[in-house]
Amino acid sequence: MGSAYKCQFCDKLLTTYRKYFKHIMLHRDKVYNCDICDRPFKEEYEVLRHKWSHMNDEEREEAKRNGVKGFVAKACTKVKNLPRNFPCPTCGKAFVSRYQLISHEKGCFLRVT
C-alpha cells in the first residue's frame, strides 16, 4: 500500500484521507446505528436517509403518507428518476454515476449456477 492513514483507535489502514476522516468519526462518543442492519453513521440524518434503502416502493409511499418529509423522501425520488447510463460490464446492473459503478465493480462477480 502506497501512502496510508492509520487509525489511532483500531489500527485500521485507510487509503485516503477522506476515508480515514470518515472512519475516525465512527470512533466518536456518539454513533448512530441503523436499527435494521446495525450499520454505523456519524450523523442521525444519515441513518434516516439510509433507512430508505431497506424499504420497497410501497413502504416508502406509506412513510410519505404518514408524514416523512424533507430531503429523505426528495433525495430518494430524485435518484430514482435519474437516467442510469453506467452499466456494469459484468452483471449488467446500471448506475446513475460513474463513481457508483466503480464502487460496485470492486465487489461484483457474475454468479454461475
N, C-alpha and C. Protein backbone atom coordinates (compact mmCIF):
# COMPACT_ATOMS: atom_id res chain seq x y z
N MET A 1 0.85 -1.16 0.00
CA MET A 1 0.00 0.00 0.00
C MET A 1 0.90 1.23 0.00
N GLY A 2 0.65 2.19 -0.91
CA GLY A 2 1.46 3.40 -1.01
C GLY A 2 1.34 4.22 0.26
N SER A 3 0.76 5.40 0.16
CA SER A 3 0.56 6.19 1.38
C SER A 3 -0.75 5.75 2.02
N ALA A 4 -0.71 5.52 3.31
CA ALA A 4 -1.89 5.06 4.03
C ALA A 4 -2.04 5.86 5.31
N TYR A 5 -3.26 5.90 5.80
CA TYR A 5 -3.57 6.59 7.04
C TYR A 5 -4.00 5.55 8.06
N LYS A 6 -3.34 5.55 9.22
CA LYS A 6 -3.60 4.53 10.23
C LYS A 6 -4.47 5.11 11.34
N CYS A 7 -5.56 4.40 11.64
CA CYS A 7 -6.45 4.81 12.72
C CYS A 7 -5.74 4.59 14.05
N GLN A 8 -5.72 5.61 14.89
CA GLN A 8 -5.06 5.50 16.18
C GLN A 8 -5.88 4.73 17.20
N PHE A 9 -7.15 4.43 16.88
CA PHE A 9 -8.01 3.70 17.80
C PHE A 9 -8.01 2.19 17.54
N CYS A 10 -8.02 1.80 16.27
CA CYS A 10 -8.13 0.36 15.97
C CYS A 10 -7.05 -0.14 15.01
N ASP A 11 -6.11 0.70 14.61
CA ASP A 11 -5.00 0.35 13.72
C ASP A 11 -5.41 0.00 12.29
N LYS A 12 -6.65 0.29 11.92
CA LYS A 12 -7.07 0.04 10.54
C LYS A 12 -6.34 1.01 9.61
N LEU A 13 -5.93 0.52 8.44
CA LEU A 13 -5.26 1.36 7.44
C LEU A 13 -6.27 1.80 6.39
N LEU A 14 -6.29 3.09 6.10
CA LEU A 14 -7.18 3.65 5.10
C LEU A 14 -6.36 4.27 3.98
N THR A 15 -6.82 4.14 2.75
CA THR A 15 -6.02 4.53 1.59
C THR A 15 -6.05 6.03 1.31
N THR A 16 -7.10 6.74 1.75
CA THR A 16 -7.17 8.18 1.50
C THR A 16 -7.50 8.91 2.79
N TYR A 17 -7.19 10.20 2.81
CA TYR A 17 -7.51 10.99 4.00
C TYR A 17 -9.02 11.05 4.19
N ARG A 18 -9.77 11.15 3.11
CA ARG A 18 -11.24 11.21 3.21
C ARG A 18 -11.79 9.95 3.91
N LYS A 19 -11.30 8.78 3.49
CA LYS A 19 -11.74 7.53 4.12
C LYS A 19 -11.31 7.48 5.58
N TYR A 20 -10.08 7.96 5.84
CA TYR A 20 -9.57 7.99 7.21
C TYR A 20 -10.44 8.89 8.09
N PHE A 21 -10.76 10.08 7.61
CA PHE A 21 -11.56 11.02 8.38
C PHE A 21 -12.95 10.45 8.66
N LYS A 22 -13.55 9.86 7.65
CA LYS A 22 -14.88 9.26 7.82
C LYS A 22 -14.82 8.11 8.83
N HIS A 23 -13.77 7.31 8.75
CA HIS A 23 -13.60 6.19 9.67
C HIS A 23 -13.41 6.69 11.11
N ILE A 24 -12.59 7.70 11.30
CA ILE A 24 -12.33 8.25 12.64
C ILE A 24 -13.63 8.73 13.28
N MET A 25 -14.53 9.27 12.48
CA MET A 25 -15.79 9.77 13.01
C MET A 25 -16.62 8.64 13.64
N LEU A 26 -16.40 7.42 13.20
CA LEU A 26 -17.13 6.28 13.77
C LEU A 26 -16.66 5.97 15.19
N HIS A 27 -15.49 6.48 15.57
CA HIS A 27 -14.97 6.25 16.92
C HIS A 27 -15.43 7.32 17.91
N ARG A 28 -16.19 8.30 17.41
CA ARG A 28 -16.69 9.34 18.31
C ARG A 28 -17.59 8.74 19.37
N ASP A 29 -17.82 9.50 20.42
CA ASP A 29 -18.70 9.05 21.51
C ASP A 29 -20.10 8.74 21.01
N LYS A 30 -20.62 9.57 20.12
CA LYS A 30 -21.99 9.38 19.64
C LYS A 30 -21.97 8.79 18.25
N VAL A 31 -22.40 7.56 18.13
CA VAL A 31 -22.53 6.89 16.83
C VAL A 31 -23.98 6.48 16.68
N TYR A 32 -24.53 6.73 15.51
CA TYR A 32 -25.91 6.37 15.22
C TYR A 32 -25.91 5.10 14.37
N ASN A 33 -26.60 4.07 14.83
CA ASN A 33 -26.66 2.81 14.10
C ASN A 33 -28.04 2.60 13.51
N CYS A 34 -28.07 2.00 12.33
CA CYS A 34 -29.34 1.61 11.72
C CYS A 34 -29.92 0.48 12.57
N ASP A 35 -31.19 0.62 12.95
CA ASP A 35 -31.80 -0.42 13.78
C ASP A 35 -32.18 -1.66 13.00
N ILE A 36 -31.99 -1.64 11.69
CA ILE A 36 -32.30 -2.79 10.85
C ILE A 36 -31.04 -3.62 10.57
N CYS A 37 -29.95 -2.97 10.16
CA CYS A 37 -28.73 -3.71 9.79
C CYS A 37 -27.54 -3.38 10.68
N ASP A 38 -27.70 -2.46 11.61
CA ASP A 38 -26.67 -2.07 12.57
C ASP A 38 -25.48 -1.34 11.95
N ARG A 39 -25.62 -0.85 10.73
CA ARG A 39 -24.55 -0.08 10.09
C ARG A 39 -24.37 1.24 10.85
N PRO A 40 -23.13 1.62 11.17
CA PRO A 40 -22.91 2.85 11.93
C PRO A 40 -22.84 4.10 11.05
N PHE A 41 -23.32 5.21 11.60
CA PHE A 41 -23.26 6.50 10.92
C PHE A 41 -22.84 7.56 11.92
N LYS A 42 -22.21 8.62 11.43
CA LYS A 42 -21.74 9.67 12.33
C LYS A 42 -22.82 10.71 12.60
N GLU A 43 -23.83 10.79 11.77
CA GLU A 43 -24.89 11.78 11.93
C GLU A 43 -26.25 11.09 11.86
N GLU A 44 -27.20 11.60 12.62
CA GLU A 44 -28.53 10.99 12.67
C GLU A 44 -29.24 11.06 11.32
N TYR A 45 -29.08 12.18 10.59
CA TYR A 45 -29.75 12.31 9.31
C TYR A 45 -29.27 11.26 8.31
N GLU A 46 -28.02 10.80 8.46
CA GLU A 46 -27.51 9.77 7.56
C GLU A 46 -28.24 8.44 7.78
N VAL A 47 -28.58 8.15 9.03
CA VAL A 47 -29.34 6.92 9.32
C VAL A 47 -30.72 7.02 8.70
N LEU A 48 -31.36 8.18 8.85
CA LEU A 48 -32.69 8.36 8.27
C LEU A 48 -32.67 8.18 6.76
N ARG A 49 -31.66 8.77 6.12
CA ARG A 49 -31.54 8.63 4.67
C ARG A 49 -31.27 7.17 4.30
N HIS A 50 -30.41 6.50 5.06
CA HIS A 50 -30.05 5.11 4.79
C HIS A 50 -31.25 4.17 4.92
N LYS A 51 -32.13 4.42 5.88
CA LYS A 51 -33.27 3.53 6.12
C LYS A 51 -34.15 3.37 4.89
N TRP A 52 -34.15 4.37 4.02
CA TRP A 52 -34.95 4.26 2.79
C TRP A 52 -34.46 3.10 1.93
N SER A 53 -33.19 2.74 2.05
CA SER A 53 -32.65 1.63 1.24
C SER A 53 -33.24 0.29 1.67
N HIS A 54 -33.78 0.22 2.87
CA HIS A 54 -34.39 -1.02 3.36
C HIS A 54 -35.87 -1.13 2.97
N MET A 55 -36.43 -0.06 2.41
CA MET A 55 -37.86 -0.05 2.09
C MET A 55 -38.11 -0.34 0.62
N ASN A 56 -39.25 -1.00 0.36
CA ASN A 56 -39.67 -1.13 -1.03
C ASN A 56 -40.53 0.09 -1.37
N ASP A 57 -40.96 0.21 -2.63
CA ASP A 57 -41.71 1.38 -3.07
C ASP A 57 -42.98 1.60 -2.26
N GLU A 58 -43.67 0.52 -1.94
CA GLU A 58 -44.92 0.61 -1.18
C GLU A 58 -44.66 1.16 0.22
N GLU A 59 -43.61 0.68 0.86
CA GLU A 59 -43.27 1.16 2.21
C GLU A 59 -42.86 2.63 2.19
N ARG A 60 -42.16 3.04 1.14
CA ARG A 60 -41.77 4.45 1.02
C ARG A 60 -42.99 5.34 0.88
N GLU A 61 -43.93 4.90 0.04
CA GLU A 61 -45.16 5.69 -0.14
C GLU A 61 -45.93 5.80 1.16
N GLU A 62 -46.00 4.72 1.92
CA GLU A 62 -46.69 4.74 3.21
C GLU A 62 -45.99 5.69 4.18
N ALA A 63 -44.67 5.67 4.19
CA ALA A 63 -43.91 6.58 5.05
C ALA A 63 -44.18 8.03 4.69
N LYS A 64 -44.26 8.32 3.39
CA LYS A 64 -44.56 9.68 2.95
C LYS A 64 -45.96 10.09 3.40
N ARG A 65 -46.93 9.17 3.27
CA ARG A 65 -48.32 9.46 3.69
C ARG A 65 -48.39 9.71 5.20
N ASN A 66 -47.51 9.06 5.95
CA ASN A 66 -47.51 9.20 7.41
C ASN A 66 -46.69 10.39 7.89
N GLY A 67 -46.23 11.22 6.98
CA GLY A 67 -45.59 12.46 7.39
C GLY A 67 -44.09 12.53 7.26
N VAL A 68 -43.44 11.54 6.68
CA VAL A 68 -42.00 11.65 6.47
C VAL A 68 -41.80 12.63 5.33
N LYS A 69 -41.10 13.72 5.61
CA LYS A 69 -40.92 14.77 4.61
C LYS A 69 -39.45 15.11 4.48
N GLY A 70 -39.19 16.12 3.67
CA GLY A 70 -37.85 16.68 3.60
C GLY A 70 -36.94 15.98 2.61
N PHE A 71 -35.65 16.17 2.84
CA PHE A 71 -34.66 15.69 1.88
C PHE A 71 -34.66 14.18 1.74
N VAL A 72 -35.07 13.45 2.77
CA VAL A 72 -35.02 11.98 2.71
C VAL A 72 -35.90 11.49 1.57
N ALA A 73 -37.14 11.90 1.56
CA ALA A 73 -38.06 11.47 0.50
C ALA A 73 -37.67 12.08 -0.83
N LYS A 74 -37.28 13.36 -0.83
CA LYS A 74 -36.92 14.03 -2.07
C LYS A 74 -35.68 13.40 -2.70
N ALA A 75 -34.67 13.11 -1.89
CA ALA A 75 -33.44 12.52 -2.41
C ALA A 75 -33.72 11.17 -3.04
N CYS A 76 -34.56 10.38 -2.39
CA CYS A 76 -34.90 9.07 -2.91
C CYS A 76 -35.60 9.19 -4.25
N THR A 77 -36.56 10.12 -4.36
CA THR A 77 -37.31 10.31 -5.60
C THR A 77 -36.40 10.81 -6.70
N LYS A 78 -35.52 11.75 -6.39
CA LYS A 78 -34.63 12.30 -7.41
C LYS A 78 -33.72 11.23 -7.99
N VAL A 79 -33.15 10.39 -7.16
CA VAL A 79 -32.25 9.35 -7.63
C VAL A 79 -32.99 8.35 -8.51
N LYS A 80 -34.21 7.99 -8.13
CA LYS A 80 -34.96 7.03 -8.92
C LYS A 80 -35.28 7.56 -10.32
N ASN A 81 -35.41 8.87 -10.47
CA ASN A 81 -35.78 9.46 -11.75
C ASN A 81 -34.59 9.75 -12.65
N LEU A 82 -33.39 9.62 -12.15
CA LEU A 82 -32.21 9.92 -12.97
C LEU A 82 -31.91 8.76 -13.92
N PRO A 83 -31.40 9.09 -15.11
CA PRO A 83 -31.03 8.02 -16.05
C PRO A 83 -29.83 7.24 -15.53
N ARG A 84 -29.86 5.95 -15.76
CA ARG A 84 -28.77 5.08 -15.32
C ARG A 84 -27.94 4.70 -16.54
N ASN A 85 -26.95 5.56 -16.82
CA ASN A 85 -26.16 5.44 -18.03
C ASN A 85 -24.82 4.73 -17.85
N PHE A 86 -24.62 4.13 -16.68
CA PHE A 86 -23.34 3.47 -16.41
C PHE A 86 -23.57 2.00 -16.05
N PRO A 87 -23.67 1.12 -17.07
CA PRO A 87 -23.92 -0.30 -16.80
C PRO A 87 -22.64 -1.05 -16.42
N CYS A 88 -22.79 -2.01 -15.53
CA CYS A 88 -21.68 -2.87 -15.14
C CYS A 88 -21.43 -3.86 -16.27
N PRO A 89 -20.21 -3.97 -16.75
CA PRO A 89 -19.91 -4.90 -17.84
C PRO A 89 -20.01 -6.37 -17.40
N THR A 90 -19.96 -6.62 -16.09
CA THR A 90 -20.01 -7.99 -15.59
C THR A 90 -21.44 -8.49 -15.44
N CYS A 91 -22.28 -7.70 -14.74
CA CYS A 91 -23.63 -8.19 -14.43
C CYS A 91 -24.73 -7.43 -15.15
N GLY A 92 -24.42 -6.26 -15.71
CA GLY A 92 -25.42 -5.50 -16.44
C GLY A 92 -26.20 -4.50 -15.62
N LYS A 93 -26.05 -4.50 -14.30
CA LYS A 93 -26.77 -3.54 -13.46
C LYS A 93 -26.28 -2.13 -13.81
N ALA A 94 -27.23 -1.19 -13.94
CA ALA A 94 -26.89 0.17 -14.36
C ALA A 94 -26.92 1.13 -13.18
N PHE A 95 -26.05 2.16 -13.25
CA PHE A 95 -25.90 3.12 -12.17
C PHE A 95 -26.03 4.54 -12.67
N VAL A 96 -26.37 5.44 -11.75
CA VAL A 96 -26.56 6.85 -12.06
C VAL A 96 -25.22 7.54 -12.32
N SER A 97 -24.20 7.17 -11.57
CA SER A 97 -22.90 7.84 -11.71
C SER A 97 -21.77 6.84 -11.96
N ARG A 98 -20.70 7.36 -12.50
CA ARG A 98 -19.51 6.54 -12.74
C ARG A 98 -18.93 6.07 -11.41
N TYR A 99 -19.00 6.94 -10.39
CA TYR A 99 -18.50 6.60 -9.06
C TYR A 99 -19.23 5.38 -8.49
N GLN A 100 -20.56 5.37 -8.64
CA GLN A 100 -21.35 4.23 -8.16
C GLN A 100 -20.94 2.95 -8.89
N LEU A 101 -20.73 3.06 -10.19
CA LEU A 101 -20.32 1.89 -10.98
C LEU A 101 -18.97 1.37 -10.51
N ILE A 102 -18.01 2.26 -10.30
CA ILE A 102 -16.67 1.86 -9.87
C ILE A 102 -16.75 1.16 -8.50
N SER A 103 -17.55 1.72 -7.59
CA SER A 103 -17.72 1.10 -6.27
C SER A 103 -18.32 -0.29 -6.40
N HIS A 104 -19.31 -0.42 -7.27
CA HIS A 104 -19.98 -1.71 -7.49
C HIS A 104 -19.02 -2.73 -8.10
N GLU A 105 -18.22 -2.30 -9.05
CA GLU A 105 -17.32 -3.22 -9.76
C GLU A 105 -16.29 -3.86 -8.83
N LYS A 106 -15.94 -3.18 -7.75
CA LYS A 106 -14.96 -3.74 -6.82
C LYS A 106 -15.44 -5.03 -6.18
N GLY A 107 -16.76 -5.21 -6.07
CA GLY A 107 -17.28 -6.40 -5.43
C GLY A 107 -18.20 -7.22 -6.30
N CYS A 108 -18.27 -6.89 -7.59
CA CYS A 108 -19.21 -7.58 -8.48
C CYS A 108 -18.57 -8.83 -9.09
N PHE A 109 -19.25 -9.91 -8.89
CA PHE A 109 -18.84 -11.17 -9.52
C PHE A 109 -20.07 -11.80 -10.14
N LEU A 110 -19.98 -12.18 -11.39
CA LEU A 110 -21.11 -12.82 -12.05
C LEU A 110 -21.28 -14.21 -11.48
N ARG A 111 -22.44 -14.46 -10.90
CA ARG A 111 -22.69 -15.75 -10.25
C ARG A 111 -23.00 -16.82 -11.30
N VAL A 112 -22.32 -17.93 -11.20
CA VAL A 112 -22.54 -19.05 -12.09
C VAL A 112 -23.30 -20.11 -11.30
N THR A 113 -24.47 -20.50 -11.83
CA THR A 113 -25.27 -21.50 -11.13
C THR A 113 -25.31 -22.81 -11.87
